[in-house]
C-alpha atoms as a PDB file:
ATOM      1  CA  UNK A   1     -12.954 -10.967  -2.836  1.00  0.00           C
ATOM      2  CA  UNK A   2     -12.504 -12.209   0.854  1.00  0.00           C
ATOM      3  CA  UNK A   3     -13.660 -14.702   3.225  1.00  0.00           C
ATOM      4  CA  UNK A   4     -17.435 -14.053   4.834  1.00  0.00           C
ATOM      5  CA  UNK A   5     -17.161 -11.844   7.994  1.00  0.00           C
ATOM      6  CA  UNK A   6     -18.773 -14.836  10.306  1.00  0.00           C
ATOM      7  CA  UNK A   7     -16.578 -17.738   9.091  1.00  0.00           C
ATOM      8  CA  UNK A   8     -13.111 -16.301   8.956  1.00  0.00           C
ATOM      9  CA  UNK A   9     -10.825 -17.182  11.864  1.00  0.00           C
ATOM     10  CA  UNK A  10      -8.496 -14.542  13.600  1.00  0.00           C
ATOM     11  CA  UNK A  11      -5.385 -14.658  11.909  1.00  0.00           C
ATOM     12  CA  UNK A  12      -2.388 -12.069  11.894  1.00  0.00           C
ATOM     13  CA  UNK A  13      -1.887 -11.197   8.132  1.00  0.00           C
ATOM     14  CA  UNK A  14      -0.898  -8.198   5.971  1.00  0.00           C
ATOM     15  CA  UNK A  15      -2.938  -8.126   2.878  1.00  0.00           C
ATOM     16  CA  UNK A  16      -3.505  -5.778  -0.071  1.00  0.00           C
ATOM     17  CA  UNK A  17      -6.348  -3.437   0.318  1.00  0.00           C
ATOM     18  CA  UNK A  18      -9.192  -4.390  -2.313  1.00  0.00           C
ATOM     19  CA  UNK A  19     -11.562  -1.507  -2.096  1.00  0.00           C
ATOM     20  CA  UNK A  20      -9.745   2.169  -1.733  1.00  0.00           C
ATOM     21  CA  UNK A  21     -10.408   3.739   1.040  1.00  0.00           C
ATOM     22  CA  UNK A  22     -12.804   6.992   1.592  1.00  0.00           C
ATOM     23  CA  UNK A  23     -10.284   9.779   3.313  1.00  0.00           C
ATOM     24  CA  UNK A  24     -11.666  13.100   4.475  1.00  0.00           C
ATOM     25  CA  UNK A  25     -10.226  16.067   6.500  1.00  0.00           C
ATOM     26  CA  UNK A  26     -12.219  17.594   8.906  1.00  0.00           C
ATOM     27  CA  UNK A  27     -11.224  19.470  12.551  1.00  0.00           C
ATOM     28  CA  UNK A  28      -7.847  18.900  11.734  1.00  0.00           C
ATOM     29  CA  UNK A  29      -8.063  15.469  11.493  1.00  0.00           C
ATOM     30  CA  UNK A  30      -7.745  12.591   8.580  1.00  0.00           C
ATOM     31  CA  UNK A  31     -10.442  10.319   8.472  1.00  0.00           C
ATOM     32  CA  UNK A  32     -10.164   7.315   6.919  1.00  0.00           C
ATOM     33  CA  UNK A  33     -12.806   4.906   6.304  1.00  0.00           C
ATOM     34  CA  UNK A  34     -11.585   1.171   4.627  1.00  0.00           C
ATOM     35  CA  UNK A  35     -13.236  -1.818   4.536  1.00  0.00           C
ATOM     36  CA  UNK A  36     -10.824  -4.890   5.316  1.00  0.00           C
ATOM     37  CA  UNK A  37     -10.007  -7.041   2.966  1.00  0.00           C
ATOM     38  CA  UNK A  38     -10.319 -10.251   4.912  1.00  0.00           C
ATOM     39  CA  UNK A  39     -13.675 -10.205   6.515  1.00  0.00           C
ATOM     40  CA  UNK A  40     -15.164  -7.169   4.592  1.00  0.00           C
ATOM     41  CA  UNK A  41     -16.013  -4.927   7.683  1.00  0.00           C
ATOM     42  CA  UNK A  42     -15.632  -1.434   7.571  1.00  0.00           C
ATOM     43  CA  UNK A  43     -13.037   0.196   9.674  1.00  0.00           C
ATOM     44  CA  UNK A  44     -12.744   3.724  10.796  1.00  0.00           C
ATOM     45  CA  UNK A  45      -9.447   5.728  11.677  1.00  0.00           C
ATOM     46  CA  UNK A  46      -8.700   8.898  12.595  1.00  0.00           C
ATOM     47  CA  UNK A  47      -5.138  10.858  12.389  1.00  0.00           C
ATOM     48  CA  UNK A  48      -4.281  13.741  14.165  1.00  0.00           C
ATOM     49  CA  UNK A  49      -1.810  15.445  12.243  1.00  0.00           C
ATOM     50  CA  UNK A  50       1.181  17.336  13.537  1.00  0.00           C
ATOM     51  CA  UNK A  51       4.116  19.260  12.146  1.00  0.00           C
ATOM     52  CA  UNK A  52       7.197  17.513  12.453  1.00  0.00           C
ATOM     53  CA  UNK A  53       9.521  19.174  15.240  1.00  0.00           C
ATOM     54  CA  UNK A  54       6.643  21.425  16.813  1.00  0.00           C
ATOM     55  CA  UNK A  55       5.440  19.315  19.851  1.00  0.00           C
ATOM     56  CA  UNK A  56       2.354  18.623  18.656  1.00  0.00           C
ATOM     57  CA  UNK A  57       1.217  22.100  16.753  1.00  0.00           C
ATOM     58  CA  UNK A  58      -1.509  20.918  14.383  1.00  0.00           C
ATOM     59  CA  UNK A  59      -0.504  20.812  10.576  1.00  0.00           C
ATOM     60  CA  UNK A  60      -3.580  21.569   7.957  1.00  0.00           C
ATOM     61  CA  UNK A  61      -4.133  18.320   7.084  1.00  0.00           C
ATOM     62  CA  UNK A  62      -4.491  16.293   3.964  1.00  0.00           C
ATOM     63  CA  UNK A  63      -5.697  13.241   2.511  1.00  0.00           C
ATOM     64  CA  UNK A  64      -2.284  12.355   0.778  1.00  0.00           C
ATOM     65  CA  UNK A  65      -0.747  12.650   4.383  1.00  0.00           C
ATOM     66  CA  UNK A  66      -1.973   9.326   5.202  1.00  0.00           C
ATOM     67  CA  UNK A  67      -1.423   7.412   2.074  1.00  0.00           C
ATOM     68  CA  UNK A  68       0.661   4.426   2.948  1.00  0.00           C
ATOM     69  CA  UNK A  69      -0.375   4.037   7.023  1.00  0.00           C
ATOM     70  CA  UNK A  70      -1.444   0.929   8.076  1.00  0.00           C
ATOM     71  CA  UNK A  71      -4.888   0.219   9.465  1.00  0.00           C
ATOM     72  CA  UNK A  72      -5.723  -2.835  11.522  1.00  0.00           C
ATOM     73  CA  UNK A  73      -9.376  -4.475  11.439  1.00  0.00           C
ATOM     74  CA  UNK A  74     -11.260  -3.850  13.791  1.00  0.00           C
ATOM     75  CA  UNK A  75     -14.611  -5.199  13.302  1.00  0.00           C
ATOM     76  CA  UNK A  76     -15.068  -6.258  16.784  1.00  0.00           C
ATOM     77  CA  UNK A  77     -16.716  -9.301  15.879  1.00  0.00           C
ATOM     78  CA  UNK A  78     -15.460 -12.209  17.830  1.00  0.00           C
ATOM     79  CA  UNK A  79     -13.625 -14.411  15.503  1.00  0.00           C
ATOM     80  CA  UNK A  80     -12.713 -17.698  16.771  1.00  0.00           C
ATOM     81  CA  UNK A  81      -8.556 -18.189  17.516  1.00  0.00           C
ATOM     82  CA  UNK A  82      -8.277 -14.524  18.518  1.00  0.00           C
ATOM     83  CA  UNK A  83      -5.049 -13.896  20.118  1.00  0.00           C
ATOM     84  CA  UNK A  84      -6.057 -12.534  23.774  1.00  0.00           C
ATOM     85  CA  UNK A  85      -2.886  -9.933  23.588  1.00  0.00           C
ATOM     86  CA  UNK A  86      -4.071  -8.526  20.516  1.00  0.00           C
ATOM     87  CA  UNK A  87      -5.120  -5.086  21.292  1.00  0.00           C
ATOM     88  CA  UNK A  88      -7.311  -4.721  18.100  1.00  0.00           C
ATOM     89  CA  UNK A  89     -10.756  -5.775  17.994  1.00  0.00           C
ATOM     90  CA  UNK A  90     -10.847  -7.690  14.367  1.00  0.00           C
ATOM     91  CA  UNK A  91     -10.115 -10.328  12.545  1.00  0.00           C
ATOM     92  CA  UNK A  92      -5.937  -9.647  12.648  1.00  0.00           C
ATOM     93  CA  UNK A  93      -6.001  -8.342   8.785  1.00  0.00           C
ATOM     94  CA  UNK A  94      -3.960  -5.144   8.525  1.00  0.00           C
ATOM     95  CA  UNK A  95      -2.727  -3.102   5.390  1.00  0.00           C
ATOM     96  CA  UNK A  96      -1.961  -0.079   3.848  1.00  0.00           C
ATOM     97  CA  UNK A  97      -4.266   2.815   3.221  1.00  0.00           C
ATOM     98  CA  UNK A  98      -4.578   3.917  -0.491  1.00  0.00           C
ATOM     99  CA  UNK A  99      -7.227   5.396  -3.017  1.00  0.00           C
END
């Protein structure tokens, strides 16, 4: 499935998601819980969706609105060789949301 969390060194990699994401909508947000295909850590990301051309007017979010969005691993584990310039606190993996 993926490398063990404690032994994988940081590496900027785009990977296919191996476990479907859980997507929930509440309070105008779409919350996506997915699992890193590399270190297997859970990553939770909230998306605040707005209607195009409305300068921030909230849309009625639906789970399908975030399919295909890119998520980065934010496991907060101190992976070896982590790029200090990276703003993400994970193993460097990124993937597209799918269910």
